[in-house]
């Protein structure tokens, strides 16, 4: 409180001191901003001419300039990778469908073969004759005379 009593509000010396202090702070702020701008540039230092494991693993190989100049190439590679994965997945799905359909076809062929075999067995002449002999009430019987051709004049 004593310090406040000693300072006179409208004293020109105090105003000059405050002005000078404000100018110093402003100059210091400008200097700090210039330093920040100098250190925070978007340009990377040129990579060293020596290629070592440390520069590769440290990421020094991928500079901002390199990434910016090849950005569309990176985008294209990512798009191709996505397309490759999608096409491969679709191909695997198609292969599974083909395998399933081949199994169904194989089952249908076996069923057809067994049906054909059963039908061939039942249609044999000897089998048909045995069935006719067992059914005495049937009007069908084996012919005693050989077939002959009837010629019809036109």
N, C-alpha and C. Protein backbone atom coordinates (compact mmCIF):
# COMPACT_ATOMS: atom_id res chain seq x y z
N UNK A 1 0.82 -1.19 0.00
CA UNK A 1 0.00 0.00 0.00
C UNK A 1 0.86 1.25 0.00
N UNK A 2 2.00 1.17 0.60
CA UNK A 2 2.87 2.34 0.63
C UNK A 2 3.38 2.64 -0.77
N UNK A 3 3.60 1.56 -1.57
CA UNK A 3 4.09 1.77 -2.92
C UNK A 3 3.05 2.49 -3.76
N UNK A 4 1.79 2.19 -3.52
CA UNK A 4 0.73 2.83 -4.28
C UNK A 4 0.63 4.31 -3.91
N UNK A 5 0.91 4.65 -2.68
CA UNK A 5 0.85 6.05 -2.26
C UNK A 5 1.99 6.84 -2.86
N UNK A 6 3.16 6.16 -3.03
CA UNK A 6 4.32 6.85 -3.57
C UNK A 6 4.13 7.16 -5.05
N UNK A 7 3.38 6.31 -5.79
CA UNK A 7 3.19 6.51 -7.23
C UNK A 7 2.05 7.49 -7.42
N UNK A 8 2.36 8.51 -8.18
CA UNK A 8 1.34 9.50 -8.49
C UNK A 8 0.76 9.12 -9.84
N UNK A 9 -0.57 9.04 -9.95
CA UNK A 9 -1.18 8.51 -11.16
C UNK A 9 -0.87 9.32 -12.41
N UNK A 10 -0.78 10.59 -12.36
CA UNK A 10 -0.59 11.39 -13.55
C UNK A 10 0.84 11.88 -13.68
N UNK A 11 1.77 11.23 -13.07
CA UNK A 11 3.17 11.64 -13.12
C UNK A 11 3.75 11.28 -14.48
N UNK A 12 4.34 12.23 -15.20
CA UNK A 12 4.90 11.97 -16.53
C UNK A 12 6.08 10.98 -16.48
N UNK A 13 6.82 10.93 -15.43
CA UNK A 13 7.95 10.01 -15.34
C UNK A 13 7.45 8.57 -15.28
N UNK A 14 6.36 8.34 -14.56
CA UNK A 14 5.79 7.00 -14.44
C UNK A 14 5.22 6.56 -15.77
N UNK A 15 4.59 7.49 -16.44
CA UNK A 15 4.01 7.14 -17.73
C UNK A 15 5.10 6.77 -18.72
N UNK A 16 6.21 7.48 -18.70
CA UNK A 16 7.32 7.19 -19.60
C UNK A 16 7.92 5.82 -19.27
N UNK A 17 8.02 5.52 -17.99
CA UNK A 17 8.59 4.24 -17.58
C UNK A 17 7.67 3.10 -18.02
N UNK A 18 6.38 3.30 -17.87
CA UNK A 18 5.43 2.27 -18.28
C UNK A 18 5.46 2.09 -19.79
N UNK A 19 5.57 3.20 -20.51
CA UNK A 19 5.64 3.15 -21.97
C UNK A 19 6.90 2.40 -22.41
N UNK A 20 7.99 2.72 -21.76
CA UNK A 20 9.26 2.08 -22.10
C UNK A 20 9.18 0.58 -21.80
N UNK A 21 8.57 0.25 -20.68
CA UNK A 21 8.42 -1.18 -20.31
C UNK A 21 7.53 -1.90 -21.32
N UNK A 22 6.46 -1.24 -21.78
CA UNK A 22 5.55 -1.83 -22.77
C UNK A 22 6.28 -2.03 -24.09
N UNK A 23 7.10 -1.06 -24.46
CA UNK A 23 7.86 -1.18 -25.71
C UNK A 23 8.87 -2.32 -25.62
N UNK A 24 9.51 -2.48 -24.45
CA UNK A 24 10.46 -3.58 -24.28
C UNK A 24 9.74 -4.93 -24.38
N UNK A 25 8.57 -5.03 -23.76
CA UNK A 25 7.81 -6.29 -23.83
C UNK A 25 7.39 -6.58 -25.27
N UNK A 26 6.98 -5.56 -25.99
CA UNK A 26 6.57 -5.73 -27.39
C UNK A 26 7.75 -6.15 -28.25
N UNK A 27 8.90 -5.53 -28.02
CA UNK A 27 10.11 -5.89 -28.78
C UNK A 27 10.51 -7.32 -28.46
N UNK A 28 10.42 -7.70 -27.20
CA UNK A 28 10.77 -9.06 -26.78
C UNK A 28 9.79 -10.07 -27.42
N UNK A 29 8.51 -9.70 -27.48
CA UNK A 29 7.51 -10.57 -28.10
C UNK A 29 7.80 -10.75 -29.59
N UNK A 30 8.12 -9.65 -30.29
CA UNK A 30 8.45 -9.74 -31.71
C UNK A 30 9.68 -10.62 -31.94
N UNK A 31 10.66 -10.46 -31.10
CA UNK A 31 11.89 -11.25 -31.21
C UNK A 31 11.60 -12.74 -30.99
N UNK A 32 10.76 -13.02 -30.01
CA UNK A 32 10.38 -14.41 -29.73
C UNK A 32 9.62 -15.01 -30.91
N UNK A 33 8.70 -14.26 -31.48
CA UNK A 33 7.95 -14.73 -32.64
C UNK A 33 8.87 -15.00 -33.83
N UNK A 34 9.86 -14.14 -34.04
CA UNK A 34 10.81 -14.35 -35.13
C UNK A 34 11.63 -15.63 -34.90
N UNK A 35 12.01 -15.88 -33.68
CA UNK A 35 12.76 -17.10 -33.37
C UNK A 35 11.90 -18.34 -33.61
N UNK A 36 10.64 -18.25 -33.19
CA UNK A 36 9.73 -19.39 -33.39
C UNK A 36 9.53 -19.64 -34.88
N UNK A 37 9.33 -18.59 -35.65
CA UNK A 37 9.16 -18.74 -37.10
C UNK A 37 10.40 -19.33 -37.75
N UNK A 38 11.56 -18.94 -37.25
CA UNK A 38 12.81 -19.45 -37.83
C UNK A 38 12.99 -20.94 -37.53
N UNK A 39 12.61 -21.36 -36.33
CA UNK A 39 12.82 -22.76 -35.95
C UNK A 39 11.68 -23.66 -36.40
N UNK A 40 10.50 -23.10 -36.58
CA UNK A 40 9.33 -23.93 -36.92
C UNK A 40 9.00 -23.83 -38.39
N UNK A 41 9.99 -23.83 -39.24
CA UNK A 41 9.71 -23.79 -40.67
C UNK A 41 9.27 -25.17 -41.13
N UNK A 42 8.54 -25.21 -42.21
CA UNK A 42 8.05 -26.47 -42.73
C UNK A 42 9.10 -27.17 -43.59
N UNK A 43 10.14 -26.50 -43.86
CA UNK A 43 11.21 -27.09 -44.66
C UNK A 43 12.12 -27.90 -43.76
N UNK A 44 12.37 -29.11 -44.16
CA UNK A 44 13.28 -29.97 -43.42
C UNK A 44 14.70 -29.74 -43.91
N UNK A 45 15.65 -29.95 -43.04
CA UNK A 45 17.03 -29.86 -43.51
C UNK A 45 17.28 -30.99 -44.51
N UNK A 46 18.18 -30.74 -45.43
CA UNK A 46 18.49 -31.75 -46.43
C UNK A 46 19.08 -32.97 -45.74
N UNK A 47 18.62 -34.15 -46.14
CA UNK A 47 19.15 -35.35 -45.48
C UNK A 47 20.63 -35.55 -45.82
N UNK A 48 21.29 -36.21 -44.92
CA UNK A 48 22.71 -36.43 -45.14
C UNK A 48 22.89 -37.39 -46.31
N UNK A 49 24.03 -37.30 -46.91
CA UNK A 49 24.29 -38.15 -48.09
C UNK A 49 24.54 -39.59 -47.69
N UNK A 50 24.83 -39.84 -46.41
CA UNK A 50 25.07 -41.20 -45.95
C UNK A 50 23.75 -41.84 -45.55
N UNK A 51 23.53 -43.04 -46.05
CA UNK A 51 22.32 -43.78 -45.73
C UNK A 51 22.70 -44.84 -44.71
N UNK A 52 22.15 -44.70 -43.51
CA UNK A 52 22.46 -45.67 -42.47
C UNK A 52 21.16 -46.20 -41.87
N UNK A 53 21.30 -47.21 -41.07
CA UNK A 53 20.14 -47.79 -40.41
C UNK A 53 19.47 -46.77 -39.50
N UNK A 54 20.26 -45.95 -38.88
CA UNK A 54 19.72 -44.93 -37.97
C UNK A 54 18.85 -43.91 -38.72
N UNK A 55 19.29 -43.50 -39.92
CA UNK A 55 18.49 -42.54 -40.68
C UNK A 55 17.21 -43.17 -41.19
N UNK A 56 17.26 -44.45 -41.52
CA UNK A 56 16.06 -45.13 -42.01
C UNK A 56 15.06 -45.31 -40.87
N UNK A 57 15.53 -45.86 -39.73
CA UNK A 57 14.64 -46.11 -38.60
C UNK A 57 14.20 -44.83 -37.92
N UNK A 58 15.02 -43.81 -37.96
CA UNK A 58 14.68 -42.54 -37.34
C UNK A 58 13.66 -41.74 -38.13
N UNK A 59 13.44 -42.11 -39.38
CA UNK A 59 12.47 -41.41 -40.21
C UNK A 59 13.05 -40.22 -40.93
N UNK A 60 14.36 -40.06 -40.87
CA UNK A 60 14.98 -38.92 -41.56
C UNK A 60 14.88 -39.08 -43.07
N UNK A 61 14.62 -40.30 -43.51
CA UNK A 61 14.53 -40.56 -44.94
C UNK A 61 13.27 -39.93 -45.53
N UNK A 62 12.21 -39.87 -44.73
CA UNK A 62 10.94 -39.29 -45.20
C UNK A 62 10.89 -37.82 -44.80
N UNK A 63 11.37 -36.99 -45.65
CA UNK A 63 11.34 -35.55 -45.38
C UNK A 63 10.01 -34.98 -45.86
N UNK A 64 9.71 -33.80 -45.40
CA UNK A 64 8.46 -33.16 -45.78
C UNK A 64 8.40 -32.95 -47.29
N UNK A 65 9.49 -32.56 -47.88
CA UNK A 65 9.52 -32.31 -49.33
C UNK A 65 9.25 -33.60 -50.10
N UNK A 66 9.84 -34.70 -49.65
CA UNK A 66 9.64 -35.99 -50.32
C UNK A 66 8.18 -36.42 -50.20
N UNK A 67 7.62 -36.29 -49.02
CA UNK A 67 6.22 -36.71 -48.82
C UNK A 67 5.28 -35.83 -49.63
N UNK A 68 5.53 -34.54 -49.65
CA UNK A 68 4.65 -33.64 -50.41
C UNK A 68 4.73 -33.92 -51.91
N UNK A 69 5.92 -34.17 -52.40
CA UNK A 69 6.04 -34.38 -53.85
C UNK A 69 5.48 -35.73 -54.27
N UNK A 70 5.43 -36.69 -53.37
CA UNK A 70 4.94 -38.02 -53.71
C UNK A 70 3.59 -38.35 -53.08
N UNK A 71 2.86 -37.34 -52.63
CA UNK A 71 1.60 -37.56 -51.92
C UNK A 71 0.60 -38.34 -52.78
N UNK A 72 0.44 -37.96 -54.03
CA UNK A 72 -0.53 -38.65 -54.89
C UNK A 72 -0.11 -40.09 -55.17
N UNK A 73 1.18 -40.33 -55.18
CA UNK A 73 1.65 -41.70 -55.34
C UNK A 73 1.26 -42.54 -54.13
N UNK A 74 1.40 -41.97 -52.94
CA UNK A 74 1.01 -42.68 -51.72
C UNK A 74 -0.50 -42.95 -51.73
N UNK A 75 -1.29 -41.97 -52.14
CA UNK A 75 -2.75 -42.15 -52.22
C UNK A 75 -3.08 -43.26 -53.22
N UNK A 76 -2.41 -43.25 -54.36
CA UNK A 76 -2.64 -44.28 -55.38
C UNK A 76 -2.28 -45.66 -54.87
N UNK A 77 -1.19 -45.76 -54.14
CA UNK A 77 -0.77 -47.05 -53.58
C UNK A 77 -1.81 -47.55 -52.57
N UNK A 78 -2.32 -46.66 -51.74
CA UNK A 78 -3.34 -47.05 -50.76
C UNK A 78 -4.61 -47.52 -51.47
N UNK A 79 -5.02 -46.80 -52.51
CA UNK A 79 -6.22 -47.19 -53.27
C UNK A 79 -6.02 -48.56 -53.90
N UNK A 80 -4.84 -48.79 -54.50
CA UNK A 80 -4.56 -50.10 -55.10
C UNK A 80 -4.54 -51.20 -54.05
N UNK A 81 -4.03 -50.91 -52.88
CA UNK A 81 -4.01 -51.91 -51.81
C UNK A 81 -5.43 -52.27 -51.39
N UNK A 82 -6.28 -51.26 -51.27
CA UNK A 82 -7.68 -51.51 -50.90
C UNK A 82 -8.37 -52.34 -51.98
N UNK A 83 -8.14 -51.97 -53.24
CA UNK A 83 -8.74 -52.72 -54.34
C UNK A 83 -8.22 -54.15 -54.35
N UNK A 84 -6.93 -54.34 -54.12
CA UNK A 84 -6.33 -55.68 -54.11
C UNK A 84 -6.98 -56.55 -53.03
N UNK A 85 -7.15 -55.99 -51.85
CA UNK A 85 -7.76 -56.75 -50.75
C UNK A 85 -9.21 -57.09 -51.08
N UNK A 86 -9.94 -56.13 -51.64
CA UNK A 86 -11.35 -56.37 -51.99
C UNK A 86 -11.48 -57.44 -53.06
N UNK A 87 -10.63 -57.37 -54.08
CA UNK A 87 -10.69 -58.36 -55.17
C UNK A 87 -10.29 -59.74 -54.65
N UNK A 88 -9.29 -59.79 -53.81
CA UNK A 88 -8.87 -61.08 -53.26
C UNK A 88 -9.98 -61.69 -52.41
N UNK A 89 -10.64 -60.88 -51.61
CA UNK A 89 -11.75 -61.37 -50.79
C UNK A 89 -12.87 -61.90 -51.68
N UNK A 90 -13.20 -61.15 -52.73
CA UNK A 90 -14.26 -61.58 -53.65
C UNK A 90 -13.86 -62.87 -54.36
N UNK A 91 -12.61 -63.00 -54.72
CA UNK A 91 -12.12 -64.21 -55.37
C UNK A 91 -12.24 -65.41 -54.43
N UNK A 92 -11.90 -65.23 -53.17
CA UNK A 92 -12.04 -66.32 -52.20
C UNK A 92 -13.50 -66.71 -52.03
N UNK A 93 -14.39 -65.73 -51.99
CA UNK A 93 -15.81 -66.03 -51.88
C UNK A 93 -16.30 -66.81 -53.10
N UNK A 94 -15.84 -66.40 -54.29
CA UNK A 94 -16.22 -67.10 -55.51
C UNK A 94 -15.68 -68.53 -55.51
N UNK A 95 -14.46 -68.71 -55.03
CA UNK A 95 -13.88 -70.06 -54.97
C UNK A 95 -14.67 -70.95 -54.01
N UNK A 96 -15.10 -70.42 -52.88
CA UNK A 96 -15.93 -71.19 -51.96
C UNK A 96 -17.26 -71.57 -52.60
N UNK A 97 -17.86 -70.63 -53.34
CA UNK A 97 -19.12 -70.92 -54.03
C UNK A 97 -18.91 -72.00 -55.09
N UNK A 98 -17.82 -71.91 -55.84
CA UNK A 98 -17.51 -72.91 -56.87
C UNK A 98 -17.33 -74.28 -56.23
N UNK A 99 -16.60 -74.36 -55.12
CA UNK A 99 -16.41 -75.65 -54.44
C UNK A 99 -17.75 -76.23 -53.99
N UNK A 100 -18.60 -75.38 -53.45
CA UNK A 100 -19.91 -75.84 -52.99
C UNK A 100 -20.74 -76.36 -54.17
N UNK A 101 -20.72 -75.61 -55.27
CA UNK A 101 -21.49 -76.04 -56.44
C UNK A 101 -20.91 -77.32 -57.06
N UNK A 102 -19.59 -77.47 -57.04
CA UNK A 102 -18.98 -78.70 -57.54
C UNK A 102 -19.39 -79.89 -56.69
N UNK A 103 -19.45 -79.71 -55.38
CA UNK A 103 -19.90 -80.80 -54.50
C UNK A 103 -21.35 -81.17 -54.80
N UNK A 104 -22.21 -80.16 -55.00
CA UNK A 104 -23.60 -80.43 -55.35
C UNK A 104 -23.69 -81.17 -56.68
N UNK A 105 -22.87 -80.75 -57.66
CA UNK A 105 -22.87 -81.40 -58.96
C UNK A 105 -22.42 -82.85 -58.85
N UNK A 106 -21.40 -83.09 -58.04
CA UNK A 106 -20.91 -84.46 -57.83
C UNK A 106 -22.01 -85.32 -57.22
N UNK A 107 -22.73 -84.78 -56.23
CA UNK A 107 -23.83 -85.51 -55.62
C UNK A 107 -24.94 -85.79 -56.62
N UNK A 108 -25.25 -84.81 -57.47
CA UNK A 108 -26.28 -85.00 -58.49
C UNK A 108 -25.85 -86.06 -59.50
N UNK A 109 -24.57 -86.08 -59.86
CA UNK A 109 -24.07 -87.09 -60.81
C UNK A 109 -24.18 -88.48 -60.20
N UNK A 110 -23.81 -88.62 -58.93
CA UNK A 110 -23.92 -89.93 -58.27
C UNK A 110 -25.38 -90.38 -58.21
N UNK A 111 -26.27 -89.46 -57.90
CA UNK A 111 -27.69 -89.80 -57.83
C UNK A 111 -28.20 -90.20 -59.21
N UNK A 112 -27.79 -89.46 -60.23
CA UNK A 112 -28.19 -89.78 -61.60
C UNK A 112 -27.66 -91.14 -62.02
N UNK A 113 -26.43 -91.43 -61.67
CA UNK A 113 -25.82 -92.71 -62.02
C UNK A 113 -26.55 -93.86 -61.33
N UNK A 114 -26.88 -93.70 -60.06
CA UNK A 114 -27.58 -94.77 -59.36
C UNK A 114 -29.00 -94.94 -59.90
N UNK A 115 -29.67 -93.84 -60.23
CA UNK A 115 -31.01 -93.93 -60.82
C UNK A 115 -30.96 -94.60 -62.18
N UNK A 116 -29.97 -94.24 -62.98
CA UNK A 116 -29.80 -94.86 -64.29
C UNK A 116 -29.52 -96.34 -64.16
N UNK A 117 -28.71 -96.72 -63.20
CA UNK A 117 -28.39 -98.13 -62.98
C UNK A 117 -29.64 -98.90 -62.55
N UNK A 118 -30.41 -98.32 -61.65
CA UNK A 118 -31.64 -98.98 -61.20
C UNK A 118 -32.63 -99.12 -62.35
N UNK A 119 -32.78 -98.07 -63.15
CA UNK A 119 -33.69 -98.11 -64.29
C UNK A 119 -33.24 -99.14 -65.32
N UNK A 120 -31.93 -99.21 -65.59
CA UNK A 120 -31.40 -100.19 -66.54
C UNK A 120 -31.66 -101.60 -66.04
N UNK A 121 -31.49 -101.82 -64.77
CA UNK A 121 -31.72 -103.15 -64.20
C UNK A 121 -33.18 -103.54 -64.32
N UNK A 122 -34.11 -102.60 -64.06
CA UNK A 122 -35.53 -102.92 -64.12
C UNK A 122 -36.04 -103.05 -65.54
N UNK A 123 -35.36 -102.49 -66.50
CA UNK A 123 -35.82 -102.53 -67.89
C UNK A 123 -35.23 -103.70 -68.68
N UNK A 124 -34.40 -104.49 -68.11
CA UNK A 124 -33.82 -105.64 -68.82
C UNK A 124 -34.95 -106.61 -69.18
N UNK A 125 -34.75 -107.25 -70.30
CA UNK A 125 -35.78 -108.17 -70.80
C UNK A 125 -36.01 -109.32 -69.84
N UNK A 126 -34.94 -109.85 -69.28
CA UNK A 126 -35.09 -110.98 -68.37
C UNK A 126 -35.86 -110.57 -67.11
N UNK A 127 -35.62 -109.39 -66.63
CA UNK A 127 -36.32 -108.91 -65.44
C UNK A 127 -37.80 -108.69 -65.73
N UNK A 128 -38.09 -108.11 -66.90
CA UNK A 128 -39.48 -107.86 -67.29
C UNK A 128 -40.21 -109.20 -67.45
N UNK A 129 -39.55 -110.22 -68.06
CA UNK A 129 -40.17 -111.53 -68.24
C UNK A 129 -40.45 -112.19 -66.90
N UNK A 130 -39.54 -112.04 -65.95
CA UNK A 130 -39.76 -112.62 -64.62
C UNK A 130 -40.96 -111.97 -63.95
N UNK A 131 -41.12 -110.68 -64.09
CA UNK A 131 -42.26 -109.98 -63.49
C UNK A 131 -43.56 -110.42 -64.16
N UNK A 132 -43.52 -110.60 -65.48
CA UNK A 132 -44.72 -111.06 -66.19
C UNK A 132 -45.12 -112.47 -65.78
N UNK A 133 -44.13 -113.35 -65.55
CA UNK A 133 -44.42 -114.72 -65.14
C UNK A 133 -45.02 -114.74 -63.72
N UNK A 134 -44.54 -113.80 -62.88
CA UNK A 134 -45.05 -113.77 -61.51
C UNK A 134 -46.48 -113.26 -61.46
N UNK A 135 -46.86 -112.37 -62.36
CA UNK A 135 -48.23 -111.84 -62.42
C UNK A 135 -49.02 -112.67 -63.41
N UNK A 136 -49.75 -113.63 -62.94
CA UNK A 136 -50.50 -114.52 -63.80
C UNK A 136 -51.70 -113.82 -64.44
N UNK A 137 -52.21 -112.78 -63.83
CA UNK A 137 -53.40 -112.12 -64.35
C UNK A 137 -53.09 -111.16 -65.49
N UNK A 138 -51.83 -110.99 -65.85
CA UNK A 138 -51.46 -110.06 -66.89
C UNK A 138 -51.81 -110.61 -68.26
N UNK A 139 -52.24 -109.76 -69.17
CA UNK A 139 -52.58 -110.16 -70.52
C UNK A 139 -51.35 -110.17 -71.43
N UNK A 140 -50.30 -109.68 -70.94
CA UNK A 140 -49.06 -109.62 -71.73
C UNK A 140 -48.34 -110.95 -71.63
N UNK A 141 -47.81 -111.40 -72.73
CA UNK A 141 -46.99 -112.61 -72.73
C UNK A 141 -45.96 -112.50 -73.83
N UNK A 142 -45.06 -113.42 -73.85
CA UNK A 142 -43.98 -113.39 -74.83
C UNK A 142 -44.51 -113.98 -76.14
N UNK A 143 -44.14 -113.33 -77.23
CA UNK A 143 -44.63 -113.77 -78.53
C UNK A 143 -43.96 -115.07 -78.94
N UNK A 144 -44.75 -115.97 -79.56
CA UNK A 144 -44.21 -117.25 -80.04
C UNK A 144 -43.65 -117.12 -81.45
N UNK A 145 -44.19 -116.21 -82.21
CA UNK A 145 -43.75 -116.02 -83.59
C UNK A 145 -42.87 -114.78 -83.68
N UNK A 146 -41.86 -114.83 -84.52
CA UNK A 146 -41.01 -113.67 -84.68
C UNK A 146 -41.76 -112.53 -85.37
N UNK A 147 -41.35 -111.31 -85.12
CA UNK A 147 -42.03 -110.20 -85.78
C UNK A 147 -41.74 -110.19 -87.28
N UNK A 148 -42.66 -109.67 -88.04
CA UNK A 148 -42.44 -109.56 -89.48
C UNK A 148 -42.92 -108.18 -89.94
N UNK A 149 -42.43 -107.77 -91.10
CA UNK A 149 -42.70 -106.43 -91.60
C UNK A 149 -43.91 -106.51 -92.53
N UNK A 150 -44.85 -105.64 -92.32
CA UNK A 150 -46.03 -105.53 -93.17
C UNK A 150 -45.77 -104.44 -94.19
N UNK A 151 -45.85 -104.82 -95.43
CA UNK A 151 -45.61 -103.83 -96.48
C UNK A 151 -46.95 -103.24 -96.90
N UNK A 152 -47.04 -101.95 -96.92
CA UNK A 152 -48.27 -101.23 -97.29
C UNK A 152 -48.02 -100.52 -98.61
N UNK A 153 -48.86 -100.84 -99.64
CA UNK A 153 -48.65 -100.14 -100.92
C UNK A 153 -49.11 -98.68 -100.81
N UNK A 154 -48.41 -97.84 -101.46
CA UNK A 154 -48.74 -96.42 -101.39
C UNK A 154 -49.65 -95.96 -102.47
